[in-house]
């Protein structure tokens, strides 16, 4: 998949052009603290795109780092952060399957939205290992899983991405290095996504 070409041609249905509404609701609810995330956490956002969700974390005082493989959109994300006078956020052009060497045990929280579903399913286990590697012990992986059943596929009939995400897919990928914390409804989903997304939280098990 040529992600930069998708951005260049405007073929970016995953981009809501603003902060993800369920994330705004979650951050306002105080639920991150209930999940054990520090009030001033180091947060990673793999597949961050234009970086809209980085603003939401940074504006609450978290130190947030976004990663995306498309160099042009990384530059765009940086410009948008500067335009919005956002402090405490940075964006790197990186493959999310190669973060562990540079960012080992760096983060308290890894937040995923439309990254897991963009990966070809056979890469999901490798992605989960990268997440485990960059989380600190007892750090949290928080996924707004989309698209979930009863979603039936892309409007154009393609096979993905986005690839369907089922509860068992997340557990199969993450249970080796993480313990399940919670899953709960997504509030204020975009109309086209309502009923097709749900929050899942896992905690990184302490290393031996």
Protein backbone atom coordinates (compact mmCIF):
# COMPACT_ATOMS: atom_id res chain seq x y z
CA UNK A 1 0.00 0.00 0.00
CA UNK A 2 1.40 3.40 -1.03
CA UNK A 3 0.11 5.52 1.84
CA UNK A 4 1.69 8.72 0.57
CA UNK A 5 -0.12 8.34 -2.74
CA UNK A 6 -3.39 7.90 -0.87
CA UNK A 7 -2.79 11.21 0.89
CA UNK A 8 -1.68 12.91 -2.32
CA UNK A 9 -4.86 11.88 -4.11
CA UNK A 10 -7.16 12.63 -1.18
CA UNK A 11 -8.18 8.98 -0.83
CA UNK A 12 -8.12 9.10 2.97
CA UNK A 13 -11.51 7.97 4.34
CA UNK A 14 -9.88 7.21 7.71
CA UNK A 15 -9.10 10.91 8.25
CA UNK A 16 -11.95 12.64 10.12
CA UNK A 17 -10.25 16.05 9.68
CA UNK A 18 -10.20 16.62 13.41
CA UNK A 19 -9.75 14.93 16.77
CA UNK A 20 -11.52 11.57 16.90
CA UNK A 21 -14.81 12.20 18.76
CA UNK A 22 -14.67 9.06 20.95
CA UNK A 23 -11.14 10.02 22.00
CA UNK A 24 -12.33 13.47 23.05
CA UNK A 25 -15.07 11.85 25.10
CA UNK A 26 -12.67 9.37 26.68
CA UNK A 27 -10.13 12.02 27.65
CA UNK A 28 -12.87 14.16 29.19
CA UNK A 29 -14.19 11.21 31.21
CA UNK A 30 -11.05 10.62 33.27
CA UNK A 31 -11.01 6.97 32.26
CA UNK A 32 -7.31 7.00 31.41
CA UNK A 33 -6.55 7.41 35.11
CA UNK A 34 -8.82 4.45 35.89
CA UNK A 35 -6.75 2.37 33.46
CA UNK A 36 -3.57 3.32 35.30
CA UNK A 37 -2.24 5.89 32.83
CA UNK A 38 -0.32 8.75 34.53
CA UNK A 39 -1.74 12.26 34.34
CA UNK A 40 1.42 13.36 32.51
CA UNK A 41 2.11 10.31 30.38
CA UNK A 42 4.49 9.61 27.53
CA UNK A 43 2.11 8.65 24.73
CA UNK A 44 2.79 7.01 21.36
CA UNK A 45 0.38 7.20 18.44
CA UNK A 46 1.38 4.78 15.64
CA UNK A 47 -0.08 5.56 12.23
CA UNK A 48 -0.90 9.09 13.37
CA UNK A 49 -1.59 10.53 9.91
CA UNK A 50 -2.13 14.29 10.06
CA UNK A 51 -1.78 14.20 13.83
CA UNK A 52 -5.23 15.38 14.86
CA UNK A 53 -5.34 13.12 17.92
CA UNK A 54 -1.89 14.26 19.03
CA UNK A 55 -3.41 17.65 19.83
CA UNK A 56 -5.94 16.13 22.20
CA UNK A 57 -3.25 14.40 24.26
CA UNK A 58 -0.82 17.32 24.21
CA UNK A 59 -3.46 19.82 25.27
CA UNK A 60 -3.94 17.78 28.46
CA UNK A 61 -0.25 17.93 29.27
CA UNK A 62 0.83 14.55 27.96
CA UNK A 63 4.08 14.23 25.98
CA UNK A 64 2.92 12.64 22.73
CA UNK A 65 4.90 11.16 19.85
CA UNK A 66 3.27 10.29 16.55
CA UNK A 67 4.63 7.91 13.94
CA UNK A 68 3.67 7.58 10.29
CA UNK A 69 5.31 5.92 7.31
CA UNK A 70 4.27 8.58 4.77
CA UNK A 71 6.89 11.37 4.75
CA UNK A 72 4.62 13.99 3.23
CA UNK A 73 1.91 13.53 5.83
CA UNK A 74 4.51 13.67 8.61
CA UNK A 75 5.50 17.13 7.38
CA UNK A 76 1.83 18.08 7.17
CA UNK A 77 1.24 16.87 10.72
CA UNK A 78 4.15 18.95 11.97
CA UNK A 79 2.79 22.03 10.20
CA UNK A 80 -0.66 21.52 11.69
CA UNK A 81 0.78 21.14 15.19
CA UNK A 82 2.76 24.35 14.74
CA UNK A 83 -0.27 26.16 13.29
CA UNK A 84 -2.34 25.14 16.32
CA UNK A 85 0.48 26.17 18.70
CA UNK A 86 0.61 22.67 20.16
CA UNK A 87 3.43 22.01 22.59
CA UNK A 88 4.56 18.64 23.84
CA UNK A 89 3.95 16.81 20.55
CA UNK A 90 6.33 15.51 17.91
CA UNK A 91 5.98 13.40 14.78
CA UNK A 92 8.51 10.99 13.27
CA UNK A 93 8.53 9.28 9.89
CA UNK A 94 8.87 5.64 10.90
CA UNK A 95 7.57 2.19 10.03
CA UNK A 96 5.46 1.09 13.01
CA UNK A 97 6.98 -2.38 12.68
CA UNK A 98 10.45 -1.02 13.42
CA UNK A 99 10.10 1.18 16.50
CA UNK A 100 11.57 -1.03 19.19
CA UNK A 101 15.26 -0.38 18.52
CA UNK A 102 14.89 3.38 18.90
CA UNK A 103 12.03 3.68 21.38
CA UNK A 104 12.37 0.66 23.67
CA UNK A 105 10.36 0.98 26.91
CA UNK A 106 9.72 4.66 26.20
CA UNK A 107 5.96 5.01 26.62
CA UNK A 108 3.28 4.78 29.28
CA UNK A 109 0.51 4.56 26.70
CA UNK A 110 0.23 3.45 23.08
CA UNK A 111 -3.00 4.67 21.48
CA UNK A 112 -4.19 3.01 18.27
CA UNK A 113 -6.92 4.13 15.92
CA UNK A 114 -7.02 2.87 12.32
CA UNK A 115 -3.46 1.52 12.50
CA UNK A 116 -4.18 -2.08 13.53
CA UNK A 117 -6.93 -2.32 10.89
CA UNK A 118 -4.60 -0.97 8.19
CA UNK A 119 -2.07 -3.77 8.64
CA UNK A 120 -2.36 -6.94 6.61
CA UNK A 121 -3.60 -9.45 9.21
CA UNK A 122 -0.46 -11.59 9.11
CA UNK A 123 1.51 -8.55 10.38
CA UNK A 124 -0.63 -8.04 13.48
CA UNK A 125 1.45 -10.25 15.77
CA UNK A 126 4.62 -8.40 14.76
CA UNK A 127 2.90 -5.10 15.46
CA UNK A 128 1.84 -6.32 18.91
CA UNK A 129 5.45 -7.26 19.66
CA UNK A 130 6.58 -3.75 18.71
CA UNK A 131 3.92 -2.26 20.98
CA UNK A 132 5.10 -4.49 23.84
CA UNK A 133 8.69 -3.42 23.23
CA UNK A 134 8.04 0.32 23.32
CA UNK A 135 5.74 0.20 26.36
CA UNK A 136 7.15 0.45 29.85
CA UNK A 137 6.27 -2.35 32.24
CA UNK A 138 2.56 -2.05 33.09
CA UNK A 139 2.11 0.49 30.31
CA UNK A 140 -1.25 0.49 28.53
CA UNK A 141 -2.17 -0.30 24.94
CA UNK A 142 -5.46 1.45 24.19
CA UNK A 143 -7.19 0.68 20.90
CA UNK A 144 -10.31 2.21 19.44
CA UNK A 145 -10.99 -0.87 17.34
CA UNK A 146 -12.52 -0.20 13.93
CA UNK A 147 -14.08 -1.62 11.80
CA UNK A 148 -15.73 -4.27 13.95
CA UNK A 149 -18.61 -6.57 13.05
CA UNK A 150 -21.28 -6.09 11.81
CA UNK A 151 -19.21 -3.93 9.43
CA UNK A 152 -19.15 -5.84 6.14
CA UNK A 153 -16.28 -4.25 4.26
CA UNK A 154 -15.30 -1.21 2.28
CA UNK A 155 -17.97 0.62 0.35
CA UNK A 156 -16.15 -0.16 -2.91
CA UNK A 157 -16.11 -3.88 -2.16
CA UNK A 158 -12.35 -4.08 -1.67
CA UNK A 159 -10.68 -6.52 0.67
CA UNK A 160 -9.04 -3.80 2.74
CA UNK A 161 -7.64 -1.92 4.34
CA UNK A 162 -9.44 -1.37 6.52
CA UNK A 163 -9.35 -5.01 7.49
CA UNK A 164 -12.11 -6.18 9.79
CA UNK A 165 -11.12 -6.21 13.47
CA UNK A 166 -12.73 -8.79 15.75
CA UNK A 167 -12.34 -9.13 19.48
CA UNK A 168 -10.50 -12.41 19.01
CA UNK A 169 -8.07 -10.74 16.58
CA UNK A 170 -6.93 -8.30 19.26
CA UNK A 171 -6.59 -11.02 21.87
CA UNK A 172 -4.65 -13.28 19.50
CA UNK A 173 -2.17 -10.49 18.77
CA UNK A 174 -1.74 -8.99 22.23
CA UNK A 175 -2.30 -11.66 24.86
CA UNK A 176 1.27 -13.00 24.70
CA UNK A 177 2.79 -9.89 26.31
CA UNK A 178 -0.25 -8.08 27.68
CA UNK A 179 -3.08 -8.69 30.12
CA UNK A 180 -6.58 -7.64 29.19
CA UNK A 181 -7.90 -4.69 31.20
CA UNK A 182 -11.26 -3.67 29.78
CA UNK A 183 -13.43 -3.11 26.77
CA UNK A 184 -16.25 -0.60 26.60
CA UNK A 185 -18.48 1.31 24.23
CA UNK A 186 -17.16 4.15 22.11
CA UNK A 187 -19.12 7.33 22.74
CA UNK A 188 -19.92 9.95 20.10
CA UNK A 189 -18.65 7.94 17.13
CA UNK A 190 -18.77 9.60 13.72
CA UNK A 191 -22.10 8.68 12.09
CA UNK A 192 -20.51 6.40 9.49
CA UNK A 193 -18.68 4.49 12.25
CA UNK A 194 -21.33 4.25 14.93
CA UNK A 195 -21.80 0.65 15.99
CA UNK A 196 -18.57 -0.45 14.31
CA UNK A 197 -15.99 0.65 16.89
CA UNK A 198 -15.21 -0.20 20.50
CA UNK A 199 -12.49 0.54 23.05
CA UNK A 200 -10.07 -2.18 24.19
CA UNK A 201 -7.33 -1.77 26.79
CA UNK A 202 -4.43 -4.10 27.55
CA UNK A 203 -1.59 -3.72 30.09
CA UNK A 204 2.02 -4.66 29.34
CA UNK A 205 3.07 -7.49 31.60
CA UNK A 206 6.24 -6.83 33.65
CA UNK A 207 9.36 -8.18 32.02
CA UNK A 208 11.11 -11.06 33.72
